[in-house]
Amino acid sequence: MILISACLAGINCKYSGKNNLHPFFKNLVNNGKAVPICPEQLGELVTPRDPAEIIKDKFGNIKVVTKNGVDVTEGYVLGAKRALAIAKVLDVKTAIFQSRSPSCGCGTIYDGTFSKHLISGNGITTELFIKNGIKVFSDEDYLKQFFSK
């Protein structure tokens, strides 16, 4: 079983209240090959919600802060833990997550300045999944790999 970001399957759970629908991922869900999850909603964050980004201090400590300066780290961590619990129950080995998200970003995330500048890094859920042996792909990398075969 594969877990995918719910927004990729067309579920309106993105911070803006919209989704990132891609027919390929919706088909995976519709054909029973993937289960959609939204770590932010699992972390009890509302939809829509203020955009948030990861901020790293000079010691490497991270927190997730909204554009308005509210620390929402606790919700992101809770959502990551709940997503991991679901992954374990389903014996998930692979996850496909939405690019650049503070939860699901894989390889690159926004830099915490809300300027759309990207840096190397992973979202909170992605990092937890990797530490627990789950292979994580960004939606963009998965599509490149799948369709370049």
Protein backbone atom coordinates (compact mmCIF):
# COMPACT_ATOMS: atom_id res chain seq x y z
CA MET A 1 0.00 0.00 0.00
CA ILE A 2 1.14 3.55 -0.77
CA LEU A 3 0.21 6.65 1.22
CA ILE A 4 -0.22 9.87 -0.75
CA SER A 5 -0.92 13.45 0.20
CA ALA A 6 -4.69 13.77 0.14
CA CYS A 7 -4.52 17.05 -1.79
CA LEU A 8 -2.96 15.15 -4.73
CA ALA A 9 -6.10 12.99 -4.92
CA GLY A 10 -8.30 16.08 -5.15
CA ILE A 11 -9.30 16.39 -1.50
CA ASN A 12 -9.63 20.05 -0.48
CA CYS A 13 -7.25 19.99 2.47
CA LYS A 14 -4.53 22.35 1.26
CA TYR A 15 -3.84 25.43 3.44
CA SER A 16 -5.88 27.52 0.95
CA GLY A 17 -8.84 25.17 1.20
CA LYS A 18 -8.13 23.88 -2.31
CA ASN A 19 -6.26 20.85 -3.62
CA ASN A 20 -3.38 19.83 -5.88
CA LEU A 21 -5.34 17.29 -7.91
CA HIS A 22 -3.35 15.17 -10.32
CA PRO A 23 -5.35 12.50 -12.19
CA PHE A 24 -2.55 9.93 -11.83
CA PHE A 25 -2.70 10.08 -8.03
CA LYS A 26 -6.49 10.19 -7.93
CA ASN A 27 -6.50 7.01 -10.03
CA LEU A 28 -4.15 5.29 -7.57
CA VAL A 29 -6.65 6.01 -4.79
CA ASN A 30 -9.70 5.09 -6.88
CA ASN A 31 -8.07 1.78 -7.85
CA GLY A 32 -7.29 0.88 -4.24
CA LYS A 33 -3.51 1.17 -4.65
CA ALA A 34 -3.06 4.21 -2.41
CA VAL A 35 -4.59 5.75 0.70
CA PRO A 36 -4.82 9.56 0.94
CA ILE A 37 -3.77 11.31 4.14
CA CYS A 38 -3.36 14.92 5.19
CA PRO A 39 -0.94 15.27 8.10
CA GLU A 40 -2.06 18.86 8.74
CA GLN A 41 -5.66 17.79 9.22
CA LEU A 42 -4.51 14.80 11.28
CA GLY A 43 -2.71 17.38 13.43
CA GLU A 44 -6.03 19.18 14.02
CA LEU A 45 -5.11 22.22 11.92
CA VAL A 46 -8.11 23.86 10.29
CA THR A 47 -8.74 24.15 6.55
CA PRO A 48 -8.30 26.74 5.24
CA ARG A 49 -5.40 27.92 7.40
CA ASP A 50 -2.64 30.49 7.21
CA PRO A 51 0.34 29.40 5.11
CA ALA A 52 3.19 28.02 7.20
CA GLU A 53 6.87 27.35 6.64
CA ILE A 54 9.67 25.68 8.55
CA ILE A 55 12.19 27.93 10.26
CA LYS A 56 15.58 26.56 11.36
CA ASP A 57 17.68 28.39 13.92
CA LYS A 58 21.49 28.52 13.96
CA PHE A 59 21.56 25.39 16.16
CA GLY A 60 19.48 23.38 13.69
CA ASN A 61 16.30 23.45 15.78
CA ILE A 62 13.18 23.74 13.69
CA LYS A 63 9.70 25.09 14.19
CA VAL A 64 6.75 25.63 11.88
CA VAL A 65 5.43 29.18 11.87
CA THR A 66 2.53 30.77 9.97
CA LYS A 67 2.91 33.84 7.82
CA ASN A 68 1.41 35.77 10.76
CA GLY A 69 4.09 34.49 13.16
CA VAL A 70 2.04 31.86 15.00
CA ASP A 71 4.02 28.77 16.05
CA VAL A 72 2.06 25.73 14.80
CA THR A 73 4.83 23.18 15.31
CA GLU A 74 2.76 21.14 17.76
CA GLY A 75 0.02 20.50 15.17
CA TYR A 76 2.54 19.50 12.51
CA VAL A 77 4.29 17.09 14.86
CA LEU A 78 0.98 15.59 16.01
CA GLY A 79 -0.12 15.13 12.40
CA ALA A 80 3.18 13.47 11.49
CA LYS A 81 2.88 11.04 14.40
CA ARG A 82 -0.72 10.17 13.48
CA ALA A 83 0.23 9.73 9.81
CA LEU A 84 3.05 7.39 10.85
CA ALA A 85 0.64 5.37 13.00
CA ILE A 86 -1.62 4.92 9.96
CA ALA A 87 1.38 3.95 7.82
CA LYS A 88 2.40 1.30 10.36
CA VAL A 89 -1.10 -0.19 10.56
CA LEU A 90 -1.21 -0.41 6.74
CA ASP A 91 2.39 -1.71 6.53
CA VAL A 92 3.27 1.14 4.18
CA LYS A 93 6.73 1.06 2.60
CA THR A 94 6.30 4.03 0.22
CA ALA A 95 4.74 7.49 0.46
CA ILE A 96 4.22 10.11 -2.24
CA PHE A 97 3.90 13.57 -0.78
CA GLN A 98 3.18 17.08 -2.04
CA SER A 99 6.32 19.00 -2.93
CA ARG A 100 7.63 21.85 -0.77
CA SER A 101 5.05 21.45 2.01
CA PRO A 102 6.13 22.01 5.64
CA SER A 103 4.60 18.59 6.36
CA CYS A 104 5.17 16.65 3.19
CA GLY A 105 8.04 18.38 1.37
CA CYS A 106 10.68 15.92 0.23
CA GLY A 107 14.15 17.20 -0.65
CA THR A 108 13.17 20.86 -0.88
CA ILE A 109 11.03 23.11 1.28
CA TYR A 110 10.43 26.84 1.51
CA ASP A 111 13.06 28.69 3.56
CA GLY A 112 10.77 30.21 6.22
CA THR A 113 10.78 33.75 4.81
CA PHE A 114 7.54 33.38 2.80
CA SER A 115 9.43 34.62 -0.27
CA LYS A 116 8.97 31.39 -2.28
CA HIS A 117 12.72 30.71 -1.93
CA LEU A 118 13.50 26.98 -1.75
CA ILE A 119 16.16 25.28 0.35
CA SER A 120 17.22 21.67 0.86
CA GLY A 121 15.17 19.93 3.50
CA ASN A 122 12.18 17.80 4.34
CA GLY A 123 8.80 18.46 5.87
CA ILE A 124 7.97 17.24 9.38
CA THR A 125 6.03 14.14 8.23
CA THR A 126 8.53 13.25 5.52
CA GLU A 127 11.40 13.38 8.00
CA LEU A 128 9.54 11.14 10.47
CA PHE A 129 8.68 8.63 7.73
CA ILE A 130 12.28 8.46 6.52
CA LYS A 131 13.53 7.92 10.09
CA ASN A 132 11.09 5.00 10.31
CA GLY A 133 12.25 3.32 7.10
CA ILE A 134 9.50 4.50 4.76
CA LYS A 135 10.65 5.57 1.30
CA VAL A 136 9.26 9.02 0.48
CA PHE A 137 8.98 10.59 -2.97
CA SER A 138 7.80 14.07 -3.85
CA ASP A 139 4.90 14.04 -6.28
CA GLU A 140 7.13 15.68 -8.88
CA ASP A 141 9.97 13.18 -8.53
CA TYR A 142 7.59 10.21 -8.56
CA LEU A 143 5.92 11.39 -11.74
CA LYS A 144 9.29 11.98 -13.44
CA GLN A 145 10.47 8.52 -12.45
CA PHE A 146 7.21 6.78 -13.36
CA PHE A 147 6.73 8.45 -16.73
CA SER A 148 10.38 8.30 -17.82
CA LYS A 149 10.30 4.48 -17.92
